[in-house]
PDB file of N, CA and C in Angstrom:
ATOM      1  N   MET A   1     -33.550 -16.260  -6.697  1.00  0.00           N
ATOM      2  CA  MET A   1     -32.589 -17.255  -6.649  1.00  0.00           C
ATOM      3  C   MET A   1     -32.044 -17.211  -8.097  1.00  0.00           C
ATOM      4  N   GLU A   2     -33.054 -17.172  -9.055  1.00  0.00           N
ATOM      5  CA  GLU A   2     -32.494 -17.321 -10.754  1.00  0.00           C
ATOM      6  C   GLU A   2     -31.380 -16.220 -10.515  1.00  0.00           C
ATOM      7  N   PHE A   3     -31.457 -14.847  -9.658  1.00  0.00           N
ATOM      8  CA  PHE A   3     -30.087 -14.345 -10.248  1.00  0.00           C
ATOM      9  C   PHE A   3     -29.009 -15.006  -9.710  1.00  0.00           C
ATOM     10  N   LEU A   4     -28.785 -15.589  -8.626  1.00  0.00           N
ATOM     11  CA  LEU A   4     -27.595 -16.259  -7.990  1.00  0.00           C
ATOM     12  C   LEU A   4     -27.127 -17.220  -9.179  1.00  0.00           C
ATOM     13  N   ALA A   5     -27.837 -17.843  -9.327  1.00  0.00           N
ATOM     14  CA  ALA A   5     -28.048 -19.294 -10.232  1.00  0.00           C
ATOM     15  C   ALA A   5     -26.604 -19.145 -11.450  1.00  0.00           C
ATOM     16  N   THR A   6     -27.417 -17.752 -12.363  1.00  0.00           N
ATOM     17  CA  THR A   6     -27.050 -16.893 -13.389  1.00  0.00           C
ATOM     18  C   THR A   6     -25.516 -16.310 -13.115  1.00  0.00           C
ATOM     19  N   PHE A   7     -24.978 -15.482 -11.715  1.00  0.00           N
ATOM     20  CA  PHE A   7     -24.485 -15.438 -11.231  1.00  0.00           C
ATOM     21  C   PHE A   7     -22.665 -16.424 -11.258  1.00  0.00           C
ATOM     22  N   TRP A   8     -23.211 -17.356 -10.567  1.00  0.00           N
ATOM     23  CA  TRP A   8     -22.204 -18.091 -10.400  1.00  0.00           C
ATOM     24  C   TRP A   8     -22.353 -19.086 -11.538  1.00  0.00           C
ATOM     25  N   ALA A   9     -22.977 -19.491 -12.323  1.00  0.00           N
ATOM     26  CA  ALA A   9     -23.102 -19.549 -13.916  1.00  0.00           C
ATOM     27  C   ALA A   9     -21.640 -19.226 -14.431  1.00  0.00           C
ATOM     28  N   LYS A  10     -22.064 -17.823 -14.727  1.00  0.00           N
ATOM     29  CA  LYS A  10     -21.140 -16.570 -15.714  1.00  0.00           C
ATOM     30  C   LYS A  10     -19.936 -16.658 -14.992  1.00  0.00           C
ATOM     31  N   LEU A  11     -20.335 -16.812 -13.706  1.00  0.00           N
ATOM     32  CA  LEU A  11     -18.630 -16.625 -12.580  1.00  0.00           C
ATOM     33  C   LEU A  11     -17.907 -17.965 -13.171  1.00  0.00           C
ATOM     34  N   ALA A  12     -18.241 -19.051 -12.747  1.00  0.00           N
ATOM     35  CA  ALA A  12     -17.640 -20.720 -13.182  1.00  0.00           C
ATOM     36  C   ALA A  12     -17.308 -20.431 -14.948  1.00  0.00           C
ATOM     37  N   THR A  13     -18.069 -19.796 -15.914  1.00  0.00           N
ATOM     38  CA  THR A  13     -17.583 -19.785 -16.700  1.00  0.00           C
ATOM     39  C   THR A  13     -16.304 -18.746 -17.131  1.00  0.00           C
ATOM     40  N   TRP A  14     -16.394 -17.807 -16.743  1.00  0.00           N
ATOM     41  CA  TRP A  14     -15.105 -16.983 -16.538  1.00  0.00           C
ATOM     42  C   TRP A  14     -13.972 -17.470 -16.199  1.00  0.00           C
ATOM     43  N   TRP A  15     -14.070 -17.992 -15.009  1.00  0.00           N
ATOM     44  CA  TRP A  15     -12.947 -18.348 -14.177  1.00  0.00           C
ATOM     45  C   TRP A  15     -12.393 -19.924 -15.210  1.00  0.00           C
ATOM     46  N   VAL A  16     -13.336 -20.678 -15.372  1.00  0.00           N
ATOM     47  CA  VAL A  16     -12.289 -21.840 -17.172  1.00  0.00           C
ATOM     48  C   VAL A  16     -12.200 -20.777 -17.730  1.00  0.00           C
ATOM     49  N   SER A  17     -12.581 -19.947 -18.730  1.00  0.00           N
ATOM     50  CA  SER A  17     -11.833 -19.599 -19.712  1.00  0.00           C
ATOM     51  C   SER A  17     -10.756 -18.409 -19.296  1.00  0.00           C
ATOM     52  N   THR A  18     -10.778 -17.966 -18.283  1.00  0.00           N
ATOM     53  CA  THR A  18      -8.946 -17.248 -18.122  1.00  0.00           C
ATOM     54  C   THR A  18      -7.964 -18.016 -17.984  1.00  0.00           C
ATOM     55  N   PRO A  19      -7.041 -17.400 -18.682  1.00  0.00           N
ATOM     56  CA  PRO A  19      -6.093 -17.924 -18.269  1.00  0.00           C
ATOM     57  C   PRO A  19      -5.583 -17.638 -17.225  1.00  0.00           C
ATOM     58  N   ASP A  20      -4.519 -19.105 -16.442  1.00  0.00           N
ATOM     59  CA  ASP A  20      -3.946 -18.512 -15.344  1.00  0.00           C
ATOM     60  C   ASP A  20      -3.135 -17.154 -14.800  1.00  0.00           C
ATOM     61  N   ILE A  21      -2.610 -16.722 -15.516  1.00  0.00           N
ATOM     62  CA  ILE A  21      -1.293 -15.765 -15.616  1.00  0.00           C
ATOM     63  C   ILE A  21      -2.294 -14.568 -14.824  1.00  0.00           C
ATOM     64  N   GLU A  22      -3.994 -14.370 -16.092  1.00  0.00           N
ATOM     65  CA  GLU A  22      -4.739 -13.458 -15.386  1.00  0.00           C
ATOM     66  C   GLU A  22      -5.159 -13.452 -13.938  1.00  0.00           C
ATOM     67  N   LYS A  23      -5.176 -15.035 -13.675  1.00  0.00           N
ATOM     68  CA  LYS A  23      -6.144 -15.186 -12.266  1.00  0.00           C
ATOM     69  C   LYS A  23      -5.248 -14.688 -11.337  1.00  0.00           C
ATOM     70  N   THR A  24      -3.555 -14.785 -11.624  1.00  0.00           N
ATOM     71  CA  THR A  24      -2.728 -14.722 -10.980  1.00  0.00           C
ATOM     72  C   THR A  24      -2.647 -12.911 -10.502  1.00  0.00           C
ATOM     73  N   TRP A  25      -2.844 -12.221 -12.284  1.00  0.00           N
ATOM     74  CA  TRP A  25      -2.614 -10.672 -11.357  1.00  0.00           C
ATOM     75  C   TRP A  25      -3.822 -10.127 -11.072  1.00  0.00           C
ATOM     76  N   LEU A  26      -4.606 -11.082 -11.084  1.00  0.00           N
ATOM     77  CA  LEU A  26      -6.097  -9.931 -10.634  1.00  0.00           C
ATOM     78  C   LEU A  26      -5.513 -10.554  -8.854  1.00  0.00           C
ATOM     79  N   ALA A  27      -5.054 -11.669  -8.706  1.00  0.00           N
ATOM     80  CA  ALA A  27      -5.331 -11.847  -6.994  1.00  0.00           C
ATOM     81  C   ALA A  27      -3.990 -10.762  -6.627  1.00  0.00           C
ATOM     82  N   ILE A  28      -3.056 -10.452  -7.208  1.00  0.00           N
ATOM     83  CA  ILE A  28      -1.755  -9.245  -7.028  1.00  0.00           C
ATOM     84  C   ILE A  28      -2.361  -8.332  -7.084  1.00  0.00           C
ATOM     85  N   GLY A  29      -4.123  -7.730  -7.977  1.00  0.00           N
ATOM     86  CA  GLY A  29      -3.809  -6.575  -8.017  1.00  0.00           C
ATOM     87  C   GLY A  29      -5.251  -6.463  -6.510  1.00  0.00           C
ATOM     88  N   PHE A  30      -5.914  -7.782  -6.178  1.00  0.00           N
ATOM     89  CA  PHE A  30      -7.014  -7.343  -4.855  1.00  0.00           C
ATOM     90  C   PHE A  30      -5.686  -7.087  -3.978  1.00  0.00           C
ATOM     91  N   ALA A  31      -5.240  -7.986  -3.737  1.00  0.00           N
ATOM     92  CA  ALA A  31      -4.123  -7.971  -2.265  1.00  0.00           C
ATOM     93  C   ALA A  31      -3.165  -6.759  -2.190  1.00  0.00           C
ATOM     94  N   ALA A  32      -3.303  -5.696  -3.410  1.00  0.00           N
ATOM     95  CA  ALA A  32      -2.522  -4.714  -3.443  1.00  0.00           C
ATOM     96  C   ALA A  32      -3.159  -4.030  -3.030  1.00  0.00           C
ATOM     97  N   GLN A  33      -4.545  -3.839  -3.323  1.00  0.00           N
ATOM     98  CA  GLN A  33      -5.734  -2.865  -2.806  1.00  0.00           C
ATOM     99  C   GLN A  33      -5.916  -3.060  -1.294  1.00  0.00           C
ATOM    100  N   LEU A  34      -5.454  -4.226  -0.972  1.00  0.00           N
ATOM    101  CA  LEU A  34      -6.051  -4.240   0.416  1.00  0.00           C
ATOM    102  C   LEU A  34      -4.844  -3.895   1.233  1.00  0.00           C
ATOM    103  N   MET A  35      -3.395  -4.242   0.556  1.00  0.00           N
ATOM    104  CA  MET A  35      -2.718  -3.835   1.145  1.00  0.00           C
ATOM    105  C   MET A  35      -2.419  -2.003   1.259  1.00  0.00           C
ATOM    106  N   PHE A  36      -3.183  -1.238   0.518  1.00  0.00           N
ATOM    107  CA  PHE A  36      -2.528   0.302  -0.022  1.00  0.00           C
ATOM    108  C   PHE A  36      -3.932   0.904   0.982  1.00  0.00           C
ATOM    109  N   SER A  37      -4.907   0.075   1.278  1.00  0.00           N
ATOM    110  CA  SER A  37      -6.456   0.425   1.968  1.00  0.00           C
ATOM    111  C   SER A  37      -6.604   0.359   3.494  1.00  0.00           C
ATOM    112  N   MET A  38      -5.203  -0.471   3.645  1.00  0.00           N
ATOM    113  CA  MET A  38      -4.737  -0.845   5.202  1.00  0.00           C
ATOM    114  C   MET A  38      -3.786   0.527   5.622  1.00  0.00           C
ATOM    115  N   ARG A  39      -3.514   1.414   5.056  1.00  0.00           N
ATOM    116  CA  ARG A  39      -3.012   2.415   5.937  1.00  0.00           C
ATOM    117  C   ARG A  39      -3.530   3.632   5.827  1.00  0.00           C
ATOM    118  N   PHE A  40      -5.095   3.307   5.610  1.00  0.00           N
ATOM    119  CA  PHE A  40      -6.365   3.754   6.286  1.00  0.00           C
ATOM    120  C   PHE A  40      -6.548   3.821   7.118  1.00  0.00           C
ATOM    121  N   ILE A  41      -6.793   2.342   7.443  1.00  0.00           N
ATOM    122  CA  ILE A  41      -7.188   1.657   8.719  1.00  0.00           C
ATOM    123  C   ILE A  41      -6.168   2.187   9.825  1.00  0.00           C
ATOM    124  N   VAL A  42      -4.856   1.898   9.690  1.00  0.00           N
ATOM    125  CA  VAL A  42      -3.647   2.145  10.476  1.00  0.00           C
ATOM    126  C   VAL A  42      -3.935   3.562  10.969  1.00  0.00           C
ATOM    127  N   GLN A  43      -4.368   4.780   9.706  1.00  0.00           N
ATOM    128  CA  GLN A  43      -4.484   6.048  10.382  1.00  0.00           C
ATOM    129  C   GLN A  43      -5.424   6.730  11.096  1.00  0.00           C
ATOM    130  N   TRP A  44      -6.450   5.731  10.808  1.00  0.00           N
ATOM    131  CA  TRP A  44      -7.771   5.721  11.642  1.00  0.00           C
ATOM    132  C   TRP A  44      -7.665   5.421  12.890  1.00  0.00           C
ATOM    133  N   ILE A  45      -6.974   3.963  13.308  1.00  0.00           N
ATOM    134  CA  ILE A  45      -6.930   3.723  14.517  1.00  0.00           C
ATOM    135  C   ILE A  45      -5.969   4.854  15.079  1.00  0.00           C
ATOM    136  N   ALA A  46      -4.754   4.518  14.455  1.00  0.00           N
ATOM    137  CA  ALA A  46      -4.038   5.922  15.611  1.00  0.00           C
ATOM    138  C   ALA A  46      -4.287   7.502  15.359  1.00  0.00           C
ATOM    139  N   SER A  47      -5.079   7.851  14.975  1.00  0.00           N
ATOM    140  CA  SER A  47      -6.026   9.050  15.204  1.00  0.00           C
ATOM    141  C   SER A  47      -7.182   8.779  16.456  1.00  0.00           C
ATOM    142  N   GLU A  48      -7.846   7.842  16.002  1.00  0.00           N
ATOM    143  CA  GLU A  48      -8.958   7.596  16.927  1.00  0.00           C
ATOM    144  C   GLU A  48      -8.023   7.319  18.682  1.00  0.00           C
ATOM    145  N   ARG A  49      -7.022   6.692  18.470  1.00  0.00           N
ATOM    146  CA  ARG A  49      -6.593   7.000  19.953  1.00  0.00           C
ATOM    147  C   ARG A  49      -5.608   7.767  20.825  1.00  0.00           C
ATOM    148  N   ALA A  50      -5.296   8.623  19.510  1.00  0.00           N
ATOM    149  CA  ALA A  50      -4.706  10.093  19.822  1.00  0.00           C
ATOM    150  C   ALA A  50      -5.333  11.152  20.470  1.00  0.00           C
ATOM    151  N   ARG A  51      -6.515  11.082  19.805  1.00  0.00           N
ATOM    152  CA  ARG A  51      -7.917  11.882  19.716  1.00  0.00           C
ATOM    153  C   ARG A  51      -7.337  12.992  19.065  1.00  0.00           C
ATOM    154  N   GLN A  52      -6.247  12.832  17.757  1.00  0.00           N
ATOM    155  CA  GLN A  52      -6.706  13.908  16.760  1.00  0.00           C
ATOM    156  C   GLN A  52      -5.912  12.963  15.181  1.00  0.00           C
ATOM    157  N   SER A  53      -5.809  14.088  14.538  1.00  0.00           N
ATOM    158  CA  SER A  53      -5.420  13.513  13.398  1.00  0.00           C
ATOM    159  C   SER A  53      -3.866  13.302  13.189  1.00  0.00           C
ATOM    160  N   ILE A  54      -3.273  12.109  13.314  1.00  0.00           N
ATOM    161  CA  ILE A  54      -1.873  11.909  12.941  1.00  0.00           C
ATOM    162  C   ILE A  54      -1.709  10.811  12.171  1.00  0.00           C
ATOM    163  N   VAL A  55      -0.376  10.530  11.428  1.00  0.00           N
ATOM    164  CA  VAL A  55      -0.153   9.714  10.276  1.00  0.00           C
ATOM    165  C   VAL A  55       1.327   8.876  10.846  1.00  0.00           C
ATOM    166  N   PRO A  56       0.539   7.641  11.391  1.00  0.00           N
ATOM    167  CA  PRO A  56       1.544   6.734  12.133  1.00  0.00           C
ATOM    168  C   PRO A  56       2.885   6.184  11.064  1.00  0.00           C
ATOM    169  N   GLU A  57       3.699   6.148  11.567  1.00  0.00           N
ATOM    170  CA  GLU A  57       4.903   5.343  10.277  1.00  0.00           C
ATOM    171  C   GLU A  57       4.708   4.379   9.694  1.00  0.00           C
ATOM    172  N   THR A  58       3.565   3.215  10.458  1.00  0.00           N
ATOM    173  CA  THR A  58       3.082   2.606   9.638  1.00  0.00           C
ATOM    174  C   THR A  58       2.329   2.753   8.317  1.00  0.00           C
ATOM    175  N   PHE A  59       1.512   3.726   8.493  1.00  0.00           N
ATOM    176  CA  PHE A  59       0.661   4.128   6.956  1.00  0.00           C
ATOM    177  C   PHE A  59       1.905   4.757   5.661  1.00  0.00           C
ATOM    178  N   TRP A  60       3.195   4.922   6.185  1.00  0.00           N
ATOM    179  CA  TRP A  60       4.129   5.363   5.006  1.00  0.00           C
ATOM    180  C   TRP A  60       4.623   3.835   4.112  1.00  0.00           C
ATOM    181  N   TYR A  61       4.619   2.760   5.712  1.00  0.00           N
ATOM    182  CA  TYR A  61       4.955   1.241   5.183  1.00  0.00           C
ATOM    183  C   TYR A  61       3.722   0.711   4.322  1.00  0.00           C
ATOM    184  N   PHE A  62       2.636   0.827   4.747  1.00  0.00           N
ATOM    185  CA  PHE A  62       1.308   0.386   3.782  1.00  0.00           C
ATOM    186  C   PHE A  62       1.469   1.104   2.614  1.00  0.00           C
ATOM    187  N   SER A  63       1.758   2.352   2.406  1.00  0.00           N
ATOM    188  CA  SER A  63       1.423   3.219   1.201  1.00  0.00           C
ATOM    189  C   SER A  63       2.443   2.529   0.438  1.00  0.00           C
ATOM    190  N   CYS A  64       3.471   2.523   0.871  1.00  0.00           N
ATOM    191  CA  CYS A  64       5.030   2.008  -0.086  1.00  0.00           C
ATOM    192  C   CYS A  64       4.815   0.489  -0.673  1.00  0.00           C
ATOM    193  N   ALA A  65       4.512  -0.574  -0.130  1.00  0.00           N
ATOM    194  CA  ALA A  65       4.014  -1.927   0.161  1.00  0.00           C
ATOM    195  C   ALA A  65       2.881  -2.012  -0.909  1.00  0.00           C
ATOM    196  N   GLY A  66       1.693  -1.141  -0.785  1.00  0.00           N
ATOM    197  CA  GLY A  66       0.372  -1.198  -1.455  1.00  0.00           C
ATOM    198  C   GLY A  66       1.285  -0.530  -2.688  1.00  0.00           C
ATOM    199  N   GLY A  67       1.177   0.843  -2.650  1.00  0.00           N
ATOM    200  CA  GLY A  67       1.512   1.530  -4.457  1.00  0.00           C
ATOM    201  C   GLY A  67       3.005   0.623  -5.158  1.00  0.00           C
ATOM    202  N   ALA A  68       3.910   0.449  -4.456  1.00  0.00           N
ATOM    203  CA  ALA A  68       4.624  -0.888  -5.613  1.00  0.00           C
ATOM    204  C   ALA A  68       3.885  -2.032  -5.908  1.00  0.00           C
ATOM    205  N   MET A  69       2.886  -2.849  -5.269  1.00  0.00           N
ATOM    206  CA  MET A  69       2.136  -3.970  -5.982  1.00  0.00           C
ATOM    207  C   MET A  69       1.150  -3.472  -6.997  1.00  0.00           C
ATOM    208  N   LEU A  70       0.447  -1.951  -6.622  1.00  0.00           N
ATOM    209  CA  LEU A  70      -0.409  -1.330  -7.427  1.00  0.00           C
ATOM    210  C   LEU A  70       0.573  -1.131  -8.991  1.00  0.00           C
ATOM    211  N   PHE A  71       1.881  -0.189  -8.605  1.00  0.00           N
ATOM    212  CA  PHE A  71       2.848  -0.195  -9.571  1.00  0.00           C
ATOM    213  C   PHE A  71       2.548  -1.362 -10.283  1.00  0.00           C
ATOM    214  N   ALA A  72       3.090  -2.178  -9.986  1.00  0.00           N
ATOM    215  CA  ALA A  72       3.260  -3.524 -10.987  1.00  0.00           C
ATOM    216  C   ALA A  72       2.373  -3.982 -11.746  1.00  0.00           C
ATOM    217  N   TYR A  73       1.574  -4.371 -10.634  1.00  0.00           N
ATOM    218  CA  TYR A  73       0.129  -4.138 -11.423  1.00  0.00           C
ATOM    219  C   TYR A  73      -0.752  -3.410 -12.787  1.00  0.00           C
ATOM    220  N   ALA A  74      -0.350  -2.225 -12.402  1.00  0.00           N
ATOM    221  CA  ALA A  74      -0.590  -1.113 -13.672  1.00  0.00           C
ATOM    222  C   ALA A  74       0.592  -1.430 -14.964  1.00  0.00           C
ATOM    223  N   ILE A  75       1.903  -1.887 -14.453  1.00  0.00           N
ATOM    224  CA  ILE A  75       2.336  -1.990 -15.503  1.00  0.00           C
ATOM    225  C   ILE A  75       2.106  -3.001 -16.048  1.00  0.00           C
ATOM    226  N   TYR A  76       1.652  -4.259 -15.573  1.00  0.00           N
ATOM    227  CA  TYR A  76       1.361  -5.303 -16.496  1.00  0.00           C
ATOM    228  C   TYR A  76       0.139  -5.145 -17.193  1.00  0.00           C
ATOM    229  N   ARG A  77      -1.102  -3.865 -16.552  1.00  0.00           N
ATOM    230  CA  ARG A  77      -2.380  -3.601 -17.613  1.00  0.00           C
ATOM    231  C   ARG A  77      -1.868  -2.863 -17.935  1.00  0.00           C
ATOM    232  N   MET A  78      -0.737  -2.292 -18.347  1.00  0.00           N
ATOM    233  CA  MET A  78      -0.469  -1.688 -19.270  1.00  0.00           C
ATOM    234  C   MET A  78      -0.932   0.439 -19.349  1.00  0.00           C
ATOM    235  N   ASP A  79      -1.379   0.691 -18.275  1.00  0.00           N
ATOM    236  CA  ASP A  79      -2.331   1.333 -17.761  1.00  0.00           C
ATOM    237  C   ASP A  79      -1.645   2.454 -17.527  1.00  0.00           C
ATOM    238  N   PRO A  80      -1.088   3.506 -18.622  1.00  0.00           N
ATOM    239  CA  PRO A  80      -0.583   4.960 -18.162  1.00  0.00           C
ATOM    240  C   PRO A  80      -1.125   5.656 -17.172  1.00  0.00           C
ATOM    241  N   VAL A  81      -2.453   6.046 -16.883  1.00  0.00           N
ATOM    242  CA  VAL A  81      -2.809   6.856 -15.754  1.00  0.00           C
ATOM    243  C   VAL A  81      -2.547   6.282 -15.060  1.00  0.00           C
ATOM    244  N   PHE A  82      -2.967   5.111 -14.502  1.00  0.00           N
ATOM    245  CA  PHE A  82      -2.581   4.324 -13.168  1.00  0.00           C
ATOM    246  C   PHE A  82      -1.095   3.907 -12.995  1.00  0.00           C
ATOM    247  N   ILE A  83      -0.156   3.632 -13.970  1.00  0.00           N
ATOM    248  CA  ILE A  83       1.308   4.006 -13.782  1.00  0.00           C
ATOM    249  C   ILE A  83       2.187   5.361 -13.332  1.00  0.00           C
ATOM    250  N   LEU A  84       0.875   6.510 -14.191  1.00  0.00           N
ATOM    251  CA  LEU A  84       2.054   7.441 -13.422  1.00  0.00           C
ATOM    252  C   LEU A  84       1.156   7.916 -12.266  1.00  0.00           C
ATOM    253  N   GLY A  85       0.181   7.625 -11.834  1.00  0.00           N
ATOM    254  CA  GLY A  85      -0.685   7.950 -10.490  1.00  0.00           C
ATOM    255  C   GLY A  85       0.365   7.452  -9.002  1.00  0.00           C
ATOM    256  N   GLN A  86       0.451   5.845  -9.674  1.00  0.00           N
ATOM    257  CA  GLN A  86       1.087   5.054  -8.404  1.00  0.00           C
ATOM    258  C   GLN A  86       2.519   5.130  -8.786  1.00  0.00           C
ATOM    259  N   GLY A  87       3.289   5.655  -9.619  1.00  0.00           N
ATOM    260  CA  GLY A  87       4.888   6.050  -9.767  1.00  0.00           C
ATOM    261  C   GLY A  87       4.824   7.304  -9.328  1.00  0.00           C
ATOM    262  N   ALA A  88       4.089   8.151  -8.930  1.00  0.00           N
ATOM    263  CA  ALA A  88       4.446   9.964  -8.158  1.00  0.00           C
ATOM    264  C   ALA A  88       3.774   9.167  -6.897  1.00  0.00           C
ATOM    265  N   GLY A  89       3.513   8.345  -6.433  1.00  0.00           N
ATOM    266  CA  GLY A  89       2.805   8.129  -5.330  1.00  0.00           C
ATOM    267  C   GLY A  89       3.837   7.122  -4.962  1.00  0.00           C
ATOM    268  N   LEU A  90       4.494   6.471  -5.685  1.00  0.00           N
ATOM    269  CA  LEU A  90       5.989   5.865  -4.242  1.00  0.00           C
ATOM    270  C   LEU A  90       7.054   6.622  -4.095  1.00  0.00           C
ATOM    271  N   PHE A  91       6.996   7.535  -5.092  1.00  0.00           N
ATOM    272  CA  PHE A  91       8.291   8.786  -4.858  1.00  0.00           C
ATOM    273  C   PHE A  91       7.944   9.353  -3.348  1.00  0.00           C
ATOM    274  N   ILE A  92       6.460   9.486  -3.406  1.00  0.00           N
ATOM    275  CA  ILE A  92       6.178  10.522  -1.889  1.00  0.00           C
ATOM    276  C   ILE A  92       6.254   9.767  -0.723  1.00  0.00           C
ATOM    277  N   TYR A  93       5.858   8.138  -1.266  1.00  0.00           N
ATOM    278  CA  TYR A  93       5.903   7.258   0.418  1.00  0.00           C
ATOM    279  C   TYR A  93       7.295   7.336   0.674  1.00  0.00           C
ATOM    280  N   ALA A  94       7.991   6.948  -0.701  1.00  0.00           N
ATOM    281  CA  ALA A  94       9.949   6.510  -0.358  1.00  0.00           C
ATOM    282  C   ALA A  94      10.529   7.436   0.293  1.00  0.00           C
ATOM    283  N   ARG A  95       9.925   8.949  -0.150  1.00  0.00           N
ATOM    284  CA  ARG A  95      10.532  10.327   0.572  1.00  0.00           C
ATOM    285  C   ARG A  95      10.215  10.177   2.140  1.00  0.00           C
ATOM    286  N   ASN A  96       8.931   9.673   2.328  1.00  0.00           N
ATOM    287  CA  ASN A  96       8.805   9.943   3.389  1.00  0.00           C
ATOM    288  C   ASN A  96       9.559   8.821   5.008  1.00  0.00           C
ATOM    289  N   ILE A  97       9.550   7.549   4.098  1.00  0.00           N
ATOM    290  CA  ILE A  97      10.286   6.979   4.849  1.00  0.00           C
ATOM    291  C   ILE A  97      11.761   7.473   4.754  1.00  0.00           C
ATOM    292  N   HIS A  98      12.075   7.832   4.181  1.00  0.00           N
ATOM    293  CA  HIS A  98      13.384   8.439   4.285  1.00  0.00           C
ATOM    294  C   HIS A  98      13.907   9.384   5.210  1.00  0.00           C
ATOM    295  N   LEU A  99      13.093  10.151   4.705  1.00  0.00           N
ATOM    296  CA  LEU A  99      12.751  11.384   6.360  1.00  0.00           C
ATOM    297  C   LEU A  99      12.641  10.784   8.246  1.00  0.00           C
ATOM    298  N   ILE A 100      11.791   9.958   7.944  1.00  0.00           N
ATOM    299  CA  ILE A 100      11.883   9.145   9.028  1.00  0.00           C
ATOM    300  C   ILE A 100      12.979   8.319   9.284  1.00  0.00           C
ATOM    301  N   TRP A 101      13.588   7.589   8.074  1.00  0.00           N
ATOM    302  CA  TRP A 101      14.861   6.829   9.088  1.00  0.00           C
ATOM    303  C   TRP A 101      15.945   7.931   8.907  1.00  0.00           C
ATOM    304  N   ARG A 102      16.319   9.176   8.451  1.00  0.00           N
ATOM    305  CA  ARG A 102      16.908   9.834   8.816  1.00  0.00           C
ATOM    306  C   ARG A 102      16.963  10.825  10.162  1.00  0.00           C
ATOM    307  N   THR A 103      15.976  11.139  10.219  1.00  0.00           N
ATOM    308  CA  THR A 103      15.715  11.714  11.618  1.00  0.00           C
ATOM    309  C   THR A 103      15.904  10.759  13.256  1.00  0.00           C
ATOM    310  N   ARG A 104      15.692   9.379  12.671  1.00  0.00           N
ATOM    311  CA  ARG A 104      16.456   8.402  14.059  1.00  0.00           C
ATOM    312  C   ARG A 104      17.059   8.248  13.948  1.00  0.00           C
ATOM    313  N   LEU A 105      18.289   8.265  12.256  1.00  0.00           N
ATOM    314  CA  LEU A 105      19.858   7.703  12.919  1.00  0.00           C
ATOM    315  C   LEU A 105      20.575   9.473  13.194  1.00  0.00           C
ATOM    316  N   ASN A 106      19.905  10.428  13.228  1.00  0.00           N
ATOM    317  CA  ASN A 106      20.351  11.441  13.414  1.00  0.00           C
ATOM    318  C   ASN A 106      19.975  11.732  14.920  1.00  0.00           C
ATOM    319  N   ALA A 107      18.658  11.311  15.309  1.00  0.00           N
ATOM    320  CA  ALA A 107      18.604  11.426  17.133  1.00  0.00           C
ATOM    321  C   ALA A 107      19.392   9.838  17.485  1.00  0.00           C
ATOM    322  N   GLN A 108      19.536   9.158  17.066  1.00  0.00           N
ATOM    323  CA  GLN A 108      20.739   7.920  17.427  1.00  0.00           C
ATOM    324  C   GLN A 108      22.358   8.411  17.387  1.00  0.00           C
ATOM    325  N   SER A 109      22.605   9.195  16.900  1.00  0.00           N
ATOM    326  CA  SER A 109      24.036   9.981  16.725  1.00  0.00           C
ATOM    327  C   SER A 109      24.213  10.910  17.574  1.00  0.00           C
ATOM    328  N   ARG A 110      23.356  11.514  18.459  1.00  0.00           N
ATOM    329  CA  ARG A 110      23.485  12.463  19.135  1.00  0.00           C
ATOM    330  C   ARG A 110      23.944  11.713  20.625  1.00  0.00           C
ATOM    331  N   PRO A 111      24.725  12.941  21.178  1.00  0.00           N
ATOM    332  CA  PRO A 111      24.465  12.614  22.519  1.00  0.00           C
ATOM    333  C   PRO A 111      23.455  12.866  23.463  1.00  0.00           C
ATOM    334  N   ALA A 112      23.067  12.115  24.391  1.00  0.00           N
ATOM    335  CA  ALA A 112      22.158  12.414  25.262  1.00  0.00           C
ATOM    336  C   ALA A 112      22.530  13.210  26.234  1.00  0.00           C
ATOM    337  N   ALA A 113      20.981  14.300  26.550  1.00  0.00           N
ATOM    338  CA  ALA A 113      21.509  15.194  27.587  1.00  0.00           C
ATOM    339  C   ALA A 113      22.493  15.361  28.810  1.00  0.00           C
ATOM    340  N   GLY A 114      23.153  15.614  29.036  1.00  0.00           N
ATOM    341  CA  GLY A 114      24.036  15.500  30.284  1.00  0.00           C
ATOM    342  C   GLY A 114      25.213  14.233  29.710  1.00  0.00           C
ATOM    343  N   GLU A 115      25.361  13.509  28.507  1.00  0.00           N
ATOM    344  CA  GLU A 115      26.478  13.141  28.343  1.00  0.00           C
ATOM    345  C   GLU A 115      27.422  13.846  27.495  1.00  0.00           C
ATOM    346  N   PRO A 116      28.710  12.994  27.658  1.00  0.00           N
ATOM    347  CA  PRO A 116      30.120  14.252  27.408  1.00  0.00           C
ATOM    348  C   PRO A 116      29.911  13.501  26.207  1.00  0.00           C
ATOM    349  N   VAL A 117      30.257  14.718  25.277  1.00  0.00           N
ATOM    350  CA  VAL A 117      31.043  14.761  23.900  1.00  0.00           C
ATOM    351  C   VAL A 117      32.390  14.072  24.110  1.00  0.00           C
ATOM    352  N   ALA A 118      32.961  13.270  22.899  1.00  0.00           N
ATOM    353  CA  ALA A 118      33.837  12.527  22.913  1.00  0.00           C
ATOM    354  C   ALA A 118      34.879  13.659  22.250  1.00  0.00           C
TER     355      ALA A 118
END
């Protein structure tokens, strides 16, 4: 019990002494990490349903959204390792989303089988 009392006292002291902007960025960091982690849950569920390892489209959307949020957080923290890692990841996620959209657009512009070509 003494441990919990000490923990809560230290947490309260930290909360009162920490500027609001720091708490806001901490919340953004936690939200970003949650968003980024959701991609693995989505991928796991999709793979379990298919009974094989697959990467669903939503994996890339969670990757991009979470990566962008973590990139902003890394810039705020001025962490060059984190900035480089998330920046490179954003390129990969955006490229995969671009490929998905391009494939979808190409499929829509092709005539269906048996349909006359204009």
